[in-house]
Amino acid sequence: MKSIIFDLDGTLIDSMPVWKNTGRNFLLNHGFTVPEDLHSVVKTQTIKQTAEYFRKDLGVPHTTDEIINEVIAFVQEAYRNTIPLKPYVREFLDKELAKGTKMCVLTASESSYILPALERLDLLKYFQFILTCTETGHYKSEPDVFHIAMEKLGGNLENTIVFEDALYAVQGAKKGGFTVYAVADPVTEADSNIIRSVADKYIESYQELL
């Protein structure tokens, strides 16, 4: 029986545009200059890591929790009300569920704001569990978190596929010996050539897998 570990943002749901300007807007709202490399720094981070980066490197005087809460308040409305599925995701999930594929979500986002989106989009029925990097204490730049998800699914390296959109996560999963399918997303377009060279398969749309 096959197992699939799905990333969420940019892989199953079209949420990356919401995130792209979140850190920038936070800094501007509080009168801070936005570093030119902000997006490249924070795109591999959890919210907690970004909050600590804002405090330690950029001098933001807020506590880590204050930064996290403000960022979550900014994004949660979009998750609750507007963020859509990427095209043909539901059709692919239906196909795999019918085949008996065991599936989970492994995300660097937090349960507090993603669960309303998963419920609204009626996605929870497809997955054995939703696992966050925060819960595991590991990040997707390294393979440990993928192995934790695989073991929880009851899979192995021979029958498990990881779906990701971001280069650092594709690289992290490949370090662990996983088969990785990379999903195209406008926000990761700049890395697409490298992603194609690292991943086992690169898809522009889930329609290719139907």
N, C-alpha and C. Protein backbone atom coordinates (compact mmCIF):
# COMPACT_ATOMS: atom_id res chain seq x y z
N MET A 1 0.84 -1.20 0.00
CA MET A 1 0.00 0.00 0.00
C MET A 1 0.88 1.25 0.00
N LYS A 2 0.53 2.21 -0.85
CA LYS A 2 1.32 3.43 -0.97
C LYS A 2 1.01 4.42 0.15
N SER A 3 1.98 5.24 0.50
CA SER A 3 1.80 6.33 1.46
C SER A 3 2.25 7.63 0.82
N ILE A 4 1.53 8.71 1.12
CA ILE A 4 1.91 10.03 0.61
C ILE A 4 1.95 11.03 1.75
N ILE A 5 3.05 11.78 1.82
CA ILE A 5 3.21 12.89 2.76
C ILE A 5 3.08 14.18 1.97
N PHE A 6 2.04 14.96 2.26
CA PHE A 6 1.82 16.21 1.55
C PHE A 6 2.23 17.41 2.38
N ASP A 7 2.97 18.31 1.79
CA ASP A 7 3.05 19.67 2.30
C ASP A 7 1.68 20.31 2.09
N LEU A 8 1.41 21.42 2.77
CA LEU A 8 0.11 22.09 2.61
C LEU A 8 0.21 23.35 1.76
N ASP A 9 0.92 24.36 2.27
CA ASP A 9 0.96 25.67 1.61
C ASP A 9 1.75 25.62 0.31
N GLY A 10 1.10 25.99 -0.78
CA GLY A 10 1.75 25.97 -2.08
C GLY A 10 1.78 24.61 -2.74
N THR A 11 1.36 23.58 -2.00
CA THR A 11 1.34 22.22 -2.53
C THR A 11 -0.09 21.72 -2.72
N LEU A 12 -0.90 21.84 -1.67
CA LEU A 12 -2.31 21.47 -1.76
C LEU A 12 -3.22 22.69 -1.89
N ILE A 13 -2.87 23.75 -1.17
CA ILE A 13 -3.69 24.96 -1.21
C ILE A 13 -2.88 26.15 -1.72
N ASP A 14 -3.58 27.08 -2.33
CA ASP A 14 -2.91 28.22 -2.97
C ASP A 14 -2.79 29.38 -1.99
N SER A 15 -1.96 29.18 -0.96
CA SER A 15 -1.84 30.14 0.13
C SER A 15 -0.57 30.98 0.09
N MET A 16 0.36 30.65 -0.80
CA MET A 16 1.64 31.35 -0.78
C MET A 16 1.52 32.85 -1.02
N PRO A 17 0.60 33.34 -1.86
CA PRO A 17 0.47 34.80 -2.01
C PRO A 17 0.14 35.50 -0.70
N VAL A 18 -0.60 34.83 0.17
CA VAL A 18 -0.93 35.41 1.48
C VAL A 18 0.33 35.59 2.31
N TRP A 19 1.21 34.58 2.25
CA TRP A 19 2.42 34.61 3.07
C TRP A 19 3.50 35.53 2.52
N LYS A 20 3.51 35.71 1.23
CA LYS A 20 4.63 36.42 0.60
C LYS A 20 4.83 37.82 1.19
N ASN A 21 3.74 38.50 1.53
CA ASN A 21 3.85 39.88 2.02
C ASN A 21 3.59 40.03 3.52
N THR A 22 3.37 38.91 4.21
CA THR A 22 3.02 39.00 5.63
C THR A 22 4.13 39.62 6.47
N GLY A 23 5.36 39.11 6.33
CA GLY A 23 6.48 39.65 7.11
C GLY A 23 6.78 41.09 6.74
N ARG A 24 6.73 41.37 5.45
CA ARG A 24 6.97 42.73 4.96
C ARG A 24 5.95 43.70 5.56
N ASN A 25 4.68 43.31 5.55
CA ASN A 25 3.63 44.17 6.09
C ASN A 25 3.80 44.39 7.59
N PHE A 26 4.20 43.34 8.30
CA PHE A 26 4.42 43.49 9.74
C PHE A 26 5.49 44.53 10.02
N LEU A 27 6.62 44.41 9.33
CA LEU A 27 7.73 45.34 9.55
C LEU A 27 7.34 46.77 9.19
N LEU A 28 6.69 46.95 8.06
CA LEU A 28 6.27 48.29 7.64
C LEU A 28 5.27 48.89 8.62
N ASN A 29 4.35 48.08 9.10
CA ASN A 29 3.34 48.56 10.05
C ASN A 29 3.95 49.06 11.35
N HIS A 30 5.14 48.54 11.67
CA HIS A 30 5.80 48.94 12.92
C HIS A 30 7.01 49.84 12.67
N GLY A 31 7.13 50.36 11.46
CA GLY A 31 8.14 51.37 11.17
C GLY A 31 9.54 50.84 10.94
N PHE A 32 9.67 49.58 10.58
CA PHE A 32 10.99 49.01 10.34
C PHE A 32 11.28 48.92 8.85
N THR A 33 12.56 49.09 8.51
CA THR A 33 12.98 48.92 7.13
C THR A 33 12.93 47.43 6.76
N VAL A 34 12.47 47.16 5.56
CA VAL A 34 12.36 45.77 5.11
C VAL A 34 13.65 45.36 4.40
N PRO A 35 14.36 44.34 4.91
CA PRO A 35 15.60 43.89 4.25
C PRO A 35 15.30 43.37 2.84
N GLU A 36 16.22 43.59 1.93
CA GLU A 36 16.02 43.13 0.55
C GLU A 36 15.91 41.61 0.46
N ASP A 37 16.57 40.92 1.37
CA ASP A 37 16.56 39.45 1.30
C ASP A 37 15.52 38.83 2.23
N LEU A 38 14.54 39.62 2.67
CA LEU A 38 13.57 39.13 3.65
C LEU A 38 12.89 37.84 3.20
N HIS A 39 12.39 37.82 1.98
CA HIS A 39 11.64 36.64 1.53
C HIS A 39 12.53 35.40 1.50
N SER A 40 13.76 35.55 1.04
CA SER A 40 14.65 34.39 0.95
C SER A 40 15.02 33.87 2.34
N VAL A 41 15.02 34.75 3.34
CA VAL A 41 15.34 34.34 4.71
C VAL A 41 14.15 33.61 5.34
N VAL A 42 12.97 34.21 5.26
CA VAL A 42 11.83 33.68 6.02
C VAL A 42 11.11 32.53 5.32
N LYS A 43 11.37 32.32 4.04
CA LYS A 43 10.61 31.29 3.33
C LYS A 43 10.90 29.88 3.83
N THR A 44 12.02 29.70 4.52
CA THR A 44 12.35 28.38 5.06
C THR A 44 12.02 28.26 6.55
N GLN A 45 11.41 29.30 7.13
CA GLN A 45 11.22 29.34 8.57
C GLN A 45 9.78 29.07 8.99
N THR A 46 9.63 28.58 10.23
CA THR A 46 8.32 28.56 10.87
C THR A 46 8.02 29.97 11.36
N ILE A 47 6.79 30.20 11.79
CA ILE A 47 6.44 31.53 12.32
C ILE A 47 7.31 31.86 13.52
N LYS A 48 7.54 30.89 14.39
CA LYS A 48 8.36 31.14 15.58
C LYS A 48 9.78 31.54 15.19
N GLN A 49 10.35 30.86 14.22
CA GLN A 49 11.70 31.22 13.77
C GLN A 49 11.73 32.63 13.18
N THR A 50 10.70 32.97 12.41
CA THR A 50 10.63 34.31 11.83
C THR A 50 10.50 35.36 12.92
N ALA A 51 9.68 35.09 13.92
CA ALA A 51 9.51 36.04 15.03
C ALA A 51 10.83 36.26 15.75
N GLU A 52 11.57 35.19 15.96
CA GLU A 52 12.87 35.32 16.64
C GLU A 52 13.88 36.06 15.76
N TYR A 53 13.80 35.84 14.45
CA TYR A 53 14.65 36.58 13.51
C TYR A 53 14.32 38.06 13.56
N PHE A 54 13.04 38.42 13.59
CA PHE A 54 12.63 39.83 13.68
C PHE A 54 13.19 40.46 14.96
N ARG A 55 13.15 39.73 16.06
CA ARG A 55 13.61 40.27 17.34
C ARG A 55 15.14 40.39 17.40
N LYS A 56 15.82 39.31 17.07
CA LYS A 56 17.27 39.26 17.27
C LYS A 56 18.06 39.98 16.18
N ASP A 57 17.60 39.87 14.94
CA ASP A 57 18.36 40.42 13.82
C ASP A 57 17.88 41.78 13.36
N LEU A 58 16.58 42.03 13.49
CA LEU A 58 16.03 43.29 12.99
C LEU A 58 15.66 44.26 14.10
N GLY A 59 15.76 43.82 15.35
CA GLY A 59 15.55 44.73 16.47
C GLY A 59 14.11 45.03 16.82
N VAL A 60 13.19 44.19 16.38
CA VAL A 60 11.77 44.39 16.73
C VAL A 60 11.61 44.17 18.24
N PRO A 61 11.02 45.14 18.96
CA PRO A 61 10.97 45.06 20.42
C PRO A 61 9.87 44.15 20.98
N HIS A 62 8.98 43.68 20.15
CA HIS A 62 7.89 42.83 20.61
C HIS A 62 8.43 41.49 21.11
N THR A 63 7.63 40.83 21.95
CA THR A 63 7.98 39.47 22.35
C THR A 63 7.70 38.53 21.17
N THR A 64 8.29 37.35 21.25
CA THR A 64 8.06 36.36 20.19
C THR A 64 6.57 36.06 20.05
N ASP A 65 5.89 35.88 21.18
CA ASP A 65 4.46 35.57 21.14
C ASP A 65 3.65 36.71 20.54
N GLU A 66 4.01 37.95 20.84
CA GLU A 66 3.28 39.09 20.27
C GLU A 66 3.41 39.12 18.75
N ILE A 67 4.61 38.85 18.26
CA ILE A 67 4.81 38.82 16.80
C ILE A 67 4.01 37.68 16.18
N ILE A 68 4.10 36.51 16.78
CA ILE A 68 3.37 35.35 16.26
C ILE A 68 1.88 35.63 16.21
N ASN A 69 1.33 36.18 17.29
CA ASN A 69 -0.11 36.44 17.36
C ASN A 69 -0.55 37.44 16.31
N GLU A 70 0.27 38.47 16.06
CA GLU A 70 -0.10 39.46 15.06
C GLU A 70 -0.05 38.87 13.65
N VAL A 71 0.96 38.06 13.39
CA VAL A 71 1.06 37.42 12.07
C VAL A 71 -0.11 36.46 11.85
N ILE A 72 -0.43 35.67 12.87
CA ILE A 72 -1.55 34.74 12.75
C ILE A 72 -2.86 35.48 12.51
N ALA A 73 -3.04 36.60 13.22
CA ALA A 73 -4.26 37.40 13.02
C ALA A 73 -4.36 37.88 11.58
N PHE A 74 -3.21 38.18 10.98
CA PHE A 74 -3.19 38.67 9.60
C PHE A 74 -3.60 37.59 8.60
N VAL A 75 -3.13 36.36 8.85
CA VAL A 75 -3.36 35.30 7.86
C VAL A 75 -4.62 34.47 8.12
N GLN A 76 -5.09 34.44 9.36
CA GLN A 76 -6.13 33.46 9.67
C GLN A 76 -7.45 33.73 8.97
N GLU A 77 -7.75 35.00 8.70
CA GLU A 77 -8.98 35.30 7.98
C GLU A 77 -8.95 34.70 6.57
N ALA A 78 -7.79 34.79 5.93
CA ALA A 78 -7.66 34.22 4.58
C ALA A 78 -7.79 32.70 4.62
N TYR A 79 -7.19 32.07 5.62
CA TYR A 79 -7.32 30.61 5.73
C TYR A 79 -8.76 30.21 5.99
N ARG A 80 -9.42 30.98 6.83
CA ARG A 80 -10.80 30.64 7.20
C ARG A 80 -11.78 30.85 6.05
N ASN A 81 -11.50 31.85 5.19
CA ASN A 81 -12.54 32.28 4.25
C ASN A 81 -12.21 32.20 2.77
N THR A 82 -10.96 32.36 2.36
CA THR A 82 -10.72 32.59 0.94
C THR A 82 -9.68 31.70 0.25
N ILE A 83 -8.69 31.19 0.96
CA ILE A 83 -7.63 30.43 0.30
C ILE A 83 -8.21 29.19 -0.38
N PRO A 84 -7.96 29.03 -1.69
CA PRO A 84 -8.54 27.90 -2.43
C PRO A 84 -7.59 26.70 -2.54
N LEU A 85 -8.16 25.58 -2.94
CA LEU A 85 -7.35 24.44 -3.34
C LEU A 85 -6.61 24.76 -4.63
N LYS A 86 -5.46 24.15 -4.82
CA LYS A 86 -4.82 24.22 -6.12
C LYS A 86 -5.61 23.34 -7.10
N PRO A 87 -5.56 23.65 -8.38
CA PRO A 87 -6.35 22.91 -9.36
C PRO A 87 -6.09 21.40 -9.34
N TYR A 88 -7.18 20.64 -9.43
CA TYR A 88 -7.18 19.18 -9.54
C TYR A 88 -6.67 18.46 -8.28
N VAL A 89 -6.52 19.19 -7.18
CA VAL A 89 -6.11 18.54 -5.93
C VAL A 89 -7.18 17.56 -5.46
N ARG A 90 -8.44 18.00 -5.43
CA ARG A 90 -9.49 17.12 -4.92
C ARG A 90 -9.61 15.85 -5.77
N GLU A 91 -9.53 16.01 -7.07
CA GLU A 91 -9.62 14.85 -7.95
C GLU A 91 -8.49 13.85 -7.67
N PHE A 92 -7.29 14.38 -7.43
CA PHE A 92 -6.16 13.50 -7.14
C PHE A 92 -6.33 12.82 -5.78
N LEU A 93 -6.78 13.58 -4.78
CA LEU A 93 -6.99 12.99 -3.45
C LEU A 93 -8.08 11.92 -3.50
N ASP A 94 -9.16 12.19 -4.23
CA ASP A 94 -10.22 11.19 -4.38
C ASP A 94 -9.68 9.90 -5.00
N LYS A 95 -8.86 10.07 -6.03
CA LYS A 95 -8.28 8.91 -6.72
C LYS A 95 -7.42 8.08 -5.77
N GLU A 96 -6.57 8.75 -5.00
CA GLU A 96 -5.66 8.03 -4.10
C GLU A 96 -6.42 7.41 -2.93
N LEU A 97 -7.42 8.10 -2.41
CA LEU A 97 -8.22 7.56 -1.32
C LEU A 97 -8.94 6.29 -1.76
N ALA A 98 -9.46 6.30 -2.97
CA ALA A 98 -10.16 5.13 -3.51
C ALA A 98 -9.22 3.94 -3.67
N LYS A 99 -7.95 4.21 -3.89
CA LYS A 99 -6.95 3.15 -4.04
C LYS A 99 -6.45 2.62 -2.70
N GLY A 100 -6.85 3.29 -1.60
CA GLY A 100 -6.40 2.88 -0.29
C GLY A 100 -5.08 3.48 0.14
N THR A 101 -4.62 4.49 -0.57
CA THR A 101 -3.37 5.16 -0.21
C THR A 101 -3.51 5.85 1.14
N LYS A 102 -2.53 5.64 2.01
CA LYS A 102 -2.51 6.34 3.30
C LYS A 102 -1.85 7.70 3.10
N MET A 103 -2.53 8.76 3.55
CA MET A 103 -2.04 10.12 3.29
C MET A 103 -2.05 10.94 4.57
N CYS A 104 -1.09 11.88 4.65
CA CYS A 104 -1.05 12.82 5.77
C CYS A 104 -0.59 14.17 5.26
N VAL A 105 -0.76 15.19 6.10
CA VAL A 105 -0.22 16.52 5.84
C VAL A 105 0.90 16.77 6.83
N LEU A 106 2.04 17.22 6.33
CA LEU A 106 3.18 17.63 7.15
C LEU A 106 3.48 19.08 6.81
N THR A 107 3.29 19.98 7.76
CA THR A 107 3.34 21.40 7.44
C THR A 107 4.18 22.21 8.43
N ALA A 108 4.81 23.25 7.92
CA ALA A 108 5.53 24.20 8.77
C ALA A 108 4.59 25.25 9.33
N SER A 109 3.34 25.24 8.89
CA SER A 109 2.34 26.15 9.43
C SER A 109 1.81 25.61 10.76
N GLU A 110 0.92 26.37 11.39
CA GLU A 110 0.41 26.01 12.71
C GLU A 110 -1.05 25.57 12.63
N SER A 111 -1.41 24.63 13.49
CA SER A 111 -2.76 24.08 13.50
C SER A 111 -3.83 25.14 13.70
N SER A 112 -3.53 26.16 14.48
CA SER A 112 -4.54 27.15 14.86
C SER A 112 -5.17 27.84 13.67
N TYR A 113 -4.43 28.04 12.60
CA TYR A 113 -5.02 28.71 11.44
C TYR A 113 -5.23 27.80 10.22
N ILE A 114 -4.52 26.67 10.16
CA ILE A 114 -4.74 25.81 8.99
C ILE A 114 -5.97 24.93 9.12
N LEU A 115 -6.33 24.55 10.35
CA LEU A 115 -7.47 23.65 10.52
C LEU A 115 -8.77 24.24 9.99
N PRO A 116 -9.04 25.55 10.22
CA PRO A 116 -10.26 26.12 9.61
C PRO A 116 -10.28 26.01 8.09
N ALA A 117 -9.12 26.14 7.46
CA ALA A 117 -9.05 25.99 6.00
C ALA A 117 -9.30 24.54 5.59
N LEU A 118 -8.70 23.61 6.30
CA LEU A 118 -8.88 22.20 5.98
C LEU A 118 -10.34 21.78 6.16
N GLU A 119 -10.98 22.33 7.19
CA GLU A 119 -12.39 22.02 7.43
C GLU A 119 -13.27 22.65 6.34
N ARG A 120 -13.01 23.91 6.02
CA ARG A 120 -13.82 24.60 5.01
C ARG A 120 -13.71 23.91 3.65
N LEU A 121 -12.52 23.45 3.32
CA LEU A 121 -12.28 22.80 2.03
C LEU A 121 -12.61 21.30 2.05
N ASP A 122 -13.07 20.82 3.20
CA ASP A 122 -13.46 19.41 3.35
C ASP A 122 -12.30 18.47 3.00
N LEU A 123 -11.13 18.76 3.56
CA LEU A 123 -9.94 17.96 3.27
C LEU A 123 -9.60 16.93 4.34
N LEU A 124 -10.10 17.12 5.56
CA LEU A 124 -9.66 16.28 6.66
C LEU A 124 -9.96 14.80 6.42
N LYS A 125 -11.02 14.51 5.69
CA LYS A 125 -11.41 13.12 5.46
C LYS A 125 -10.37 12.32 4.67
N TYR A 126 -9.48 13.02 3.99
CA TYR A 126 -8.49 12.34 3.16
C TYR A 126 -7.27 11.87 3.95
N PHE A 127 -7.04 12.45 5.13
CA PHE A 127 -5.74 12.29 5.79
C PHE A 127 -5.83 11.51 7.09
N GLN A 128 -4.81 10.68 7.32
CA GLN A 128 -4.71 9.94 8.57
C GLN A 128 -4.46 10.89 9.74
N PHE A 129 -3.69 11.94 9.47
CA PHE A 129 -3.37 12.94 10.51
C PHE A 129 -2.79 14.18 9.86
N ILE A 130 -2.79 15.26 10.63
CA ILE A 130 -2.13 16.52 10.26
C ILE A 130 -0.99 16.71 11.25
N LEU A 131 0.23 16.83 10.76
CA LEU A 131 1.41 16.96 11.63
C LEU A 131 2.12 18.26 11.33
N THR A 132 2.41 19.04 12.38
CA THR A 132 3.14 20.29 12.19
C THR A 132 4.59 20.13 12.60
N CYS A 133 5.45 20.90 11.98
CA CYS A 133 6.87 20.87 12.35
C CYS A 133 7.06 21.26 13.81
N THR A 134 6.24 22.19 14.29
CA THR A 134 6.31 22.61 15.69
C THR A 134 6.09 21.42 16.62
N GLU A 135 5.14 20.57 16.28
CA GLU A 135 4.85 19.39 17.11
C GLU A 135 6.04 18.44 17.16
N THR A 136 6.76 18.33 16.08
CA THR A 136 7.88 17.37 16.02
C THR A 136 9.18 17.94 16.57
N GLY A 137 9.30 19.27 16.56
CA GLY A 137 10.56 19.89 16.96
C GLY A 137 11.63 19.83 15.88
N HIS A 138 11.22 19.50 14.65
CA HIS A 138 12.16 19.41 13.53
C HIS A 138 11.66 20.26 12.37
N TYR A 139 12.58 20.60 11.46
CA TYR A 139 12.23 21.43 10.32
C TYR A 139 12.50 20.69 9.02
N LYS A 140 11.87 21.16 7.96
CA LYS A 140 11.91 20.43 6.69
C LYS A 140 13.23 20.53 5.93
N SER A 141 14.13 21.35 6.40
CA SER A 141 15.44 21.42 5.77
C SER A 141 16.26 20.16 6.06
N GLU A 142 15.81 19.37 7.04
CA GLU A 142 16.47 18.12 7.39
C GLU A 142 15.47 16.97 7.30
N PRO A 143 15.94 15.74 7.11
CA PRO A 143 15.03 14.63 6.83
C PRO A 143 14.24 14.08 8.01
N ASP A 144 14.66 14.39 9.24
CA ASP A 144 14.05 13.77 10.42
C ASP A 144 12.53 13.88 10.43
N VAL A 145 12.03 15.07 10.11
CA VAL A 145 10.59 15.31 10.20
C VAL A 145 9.82 14.45 9.20
N PHE A 146 10.41 14.19 8.05
CA PHE A 146 9.76 13.34 7.05
C PHE A 146 9.72 11.88 7.52
N HIS A 147 10.79 11.45 8.18
CA HIS A 147 10.82 10.09 8.71
C HIS A 147 9.78 9.91 9.82
N ILE A 148 9.61 10.94 10.65
CA ILE A 148 8.60 10.88 11.70
C ILE A 148 7.21 10.70 11.09
N ALA A 149 6.91 11.48 10.05
CA ALA A 149 5.61 11.38 9.38
C ALA A 149 5.44 10.01 8.72
N MET A 150 6.49 9.53 8.08
CA MET A 150 6.42 8.23 7.40
C MET A 150 6.14 7.10 8.40
N GLU A 151 6.86 7.12 9.51
CA GLU A 151 6.67 6.07 10.51
C GLU A 151 5.27 6.12 11.10
N LYS A 152 4.76 7.33 11.29
CA LYS A 152 3.40 7.47 11.82
C LYS A 152 2.37 6.96 10.83
N LEU A 153 2.64 7.09 9.54
CA LEU A 153 1.76 6.56 8.49
C LEU A 153 1.87 5.05 8.35
N GLY A 154 2.97 4.49 8.85
CA GLY A 154 3.21 3.07 8.68
C GLY A 154 3.82 2.74 7.34
N GLY A 155 4.46 3.73 6.72
CA GLY A 155 5.07 3.53 5.42
C GLY A 155 6.55 3.21 5.51
N ASN A 156 7.19 3.11 4.35
CA ASN A 156 8.64 2.93 4.29
C ASN A 156 9.15 3.69 3.07
N LEU A 157 10.46 3.75 2.93
CA LEU A 157 11.04 4.54 1.84
C LEU A 157 10.68 3.99 0.46
N GLU A 158 10.37 2.72 0.39
CA GLU A 158 10.04 2.13 -0.91
C GLU A 158 8.63 2.51 -1.37
N ASN A 159 7.72 2.77 -0.41
CA ASN A 159 6.33 3.00 -0.82
C ASN A 159 5.79 4.39 -0.45
N THR A 160 6.68 5.29 -0.05
CA THR A 160 6.25 6.63 0.38
C THR A 160 6.72 7.70 -0.59
N ILE A 161 5.81 8.59 -0.95
CA ILE A 161 6.14 9.74 -1.81
C ILE A 161 5.88 11.02 -1.02
N VAL A 162 6.78 11.96 -1.13
CA VAL A 162 6.62 13.28 -0.51
C VAL A 162 6.28 14.30 -1.59
N PHE A 163 5.23 15.08 -1.36
CA PHE A 163 4.86 16.17 -2.27
C PHE A 163 5.22 17.50 -1.61
N GLU A 164 6.06 18.29 -2.27
CA GLU A 164 6.51 19.58 -1.74
C GLU A 164 6.61 20.60 -2.86
N ASP A 165 6.60 21.89 -2.49
CA ASP A 165 6.78 22.94 -3.50
C ASP A 165 8.07 23.72 -3.31
N ALA A 166 8.62 23.74 -2.10
CA ALA A 166 9.76 24.60 -1.79
C ALA A 166 11.08 23.84 -1.89
N LEU A 167 12.10 24.50 -2.41
CA LEU A 167 13.40 23.87 -2.63
C LEU A 167 13.97 23.28 -1.35
N TYR A 168 13.98 24.04 -0.26
CA TYR A 168 14.62 23.57 0.97
C TYR A 168 13.96 22.29 1.48
N ALA A 169 12.63 22.17 1.30
CA ALA A 169 11.91 20.99 1.75
C ALA A 169 12.14 19.81 0.81
N VAL A 170 12.18 20.08 -0.48
CA VAL A 170 12.52 19.04 -1.46
C VAL A 170 13.91 18.47 -1.13
N GLN A 171 14.85 19.35 -0.85
CA GLN A 171 16.21 18.91 -0.51
C GLN A 171 16.23 18.13 0.80
N GLY A 172 15.46 18.59 1.79
CA GLY A 172 15.41 17.90 3.07
C GLY A 172 14.88 16.49 2.94
N ALA A 173 13.82 16.32 2.15
CA ALA A 173 13.25 14.99 1.95
C ALA A 173 14.20 14.09 1.17
N LYS A 174 14.86 14.65 0.16
CA LYS A 174 15.80 13.85 -0.63
C LYS A 174 16.98 13.38 0.23
N LYS A 175 17.40 14.22 1.17
CA LYS A 175 18.47 13.81 2.09
C LYS A 175 18.09 12.55 2.84
N GLY A 176 16.79 12.40 3.09
CA GLY A 176 16.31 11.24 3.84
C GLY A 176 16.03 10.03 2.98
N GLY A 177 16.32 10.12 1.68
CA GLY A 177 16.12 8.99 0.80
C GLY A 177 14.73 8.85 0.23
N PHE A 178 13.91 9.90 0.34
CA PHE A 178 12.52 9.83 -0.12
C PHE A 178 12.40 10.07 -1.62
N THR A 179 11.35 9.49 -2.20
CA THR A 179 10.91 9.88 -3.54
C THR A 179 10.12 11.17 -3.38
N VAL A 180 10.48 12.20 -4.15
CA VAL A 180 9.85 13.52 -3.99
C VAL A 180 9.24 13.98 -5.30
N TYR A 181 7.96 14.34 -5.23
CA TYR A 181 7.27 14.99 -6.34
C TYR A 181 7.16 16.47 -6.01
N ALA A 182 7.74 17.31 -6.84
CA ALA A 182 7.69 18.75 -6.62
C ALA A 182 6.50 19.34 -7.38
N VAL A 183 5.82 20.27 -6.72
CA VAL A 183 4.63 20.90 -7.29
C VAL A 183 4.96 22.35 -7.63
N ALA A 184 4.72 22.74 -8.86
CA ALA A 184 5.01 24.11 -9.28
C ALA A 184 4.15 25.11 -8.52
N ASP A 185 4.75 26.25 -8.18
CA ASP A 185 4.01 27.33 -7.53
C ASP A 185 4.70 28.64 -7.93
N PRO A 186 3.93 29.70 -8.20
CA PRO A 186 4.55 30.97 -8.63
C PRO A 186 5.59 31.50 -7.66
N VAL A 187 5.38 31.29 -6.36
CA VAL A 187 6.30 31.83 -5.36
C VAL A 187 7.65 31.12 -5.40
N THR A 188 7.68 29.87 -5.83
CA THR A 188 8.95 29.13 -5.89
C THR A 188 9.51 29.06 -7.31
N GLU A 189 8.93 29.83 -8.22
CA GLU A 189 9.34 29.79 -9.62
C GLU A 189 10.83 30.08 -9.80
N ALA A 190 11.38 30.99 -8.99
CA ALA A 190 12.80 31.35 -9.13
C ALA A 190 13.71 30.15 -8.88
N ASP A 191 13.24 29.19 -8.08
CA ASP A 191 14.04 28.01 -7.77
C ASP A 191 13.68 26.81 -8.64
N SER A 192 12.82 27.01 -9.62
CA SER A 192 12.23 25.86 -10.32
C SER A 192 13.26 24.98 -11.03
N ASN A 193 14.28 25.59 -11.60
CA ASN A 193 15.29 24.78 -12.31
C ASN A 193 16.04 23.86 -11.35
N ILE A 194 16.38 24.39 -10.18
CA ILE A 194 17.08 23.56 -9.18
C ILE A 194 16.13 22.51 -8.63
N ILE A 195 14.89 22.91 -8.36
CA ILE A 195 13.90 21.95 -7.85
C ILE A 195 13.74 20.79 -8.83
N ARG A 196 13.64 21.10 -10.11
CA ARG A 196 13.50 20.06 -11.14
C ARG A 196 14.68 19.08 -11.10
N SER A 197 15.87 19.61 -10.84
CA SER A 197 17.07 18.76 -10.86
C SER A 197 17.17 17.88 -9.62
N VAL A 198 16.54 18.31 -8.52
CA VAL A 198 16.62 17.57 -7.26
C VAL A 198 15.48 16.57 -7.12
N ALA A 199 14.27 16.99 -7.48
CA ALA A 199 13.08 16.16 -7.30
C ALA A 199 13.06 14.99 -8.28
N ASP A 200 12.32 13.95 -7.91
CA ASP A 200 12.15 12.80 -8.81
C ASP A 200 11.15 13.10 -9.92
N LYS A 201 10.20 13.96 -9.63
CA LYS A 201 9.20 14.36 -10.62
C LYS A 201 8.78 15.79 -10.32
N TYR A 202 8.49 16.56 -11.36
CA TYR A 202 8.05 17.95 -11.21
C TYR A 202 6.75 18.10 -11.97
N ILE A 203 5.69 18.54 -11.28
CA ILE A 203 4.40 18.68 -11.95
C ILE A 203 3.95 20.14 -11.94
N GLU A 204 3.38 20.57 -13.04
CA GLU A 204 2.78 21.89 -13.12
C GLU A 204 1.37 21.87 -12.55
N SER A 205 0.73 20.71 -12.59
CA SER A 205 -0.65 20.56 -12.13
C SER A 205 -0.90 19.11 -11.76
N TYR A 206 -1.80 18.90 -10.79
CA TYR A 206 -2.18 17.53 -10.42
C TYR A 206 -2.91 16.81 -11.54
N GLN A 207 -3.38 17.55 -12.52
CA GLN A 207 -4.04 16.93 -13.67
C GLN A 207 -3.12 15.92 -14.35
N GLU A 208 -1.81 16.17 -14.26
CA GLU A 208 -0.84 15.27 -14.86
C GLU A 208 -0.83 13.89 -14.22
N LEU A 209 -1.37 13.80 -13.00
CA LEU A 209 -1.33 12.54 -12.25
C LEU A 209 -2.66 11.81 -12.25
N LEU A 210 -3.65 12.36 -12.93
CA LEU A 210 -4.98 11.74 -12.95
C LEU A 210 -5.06 10.66 -14.02
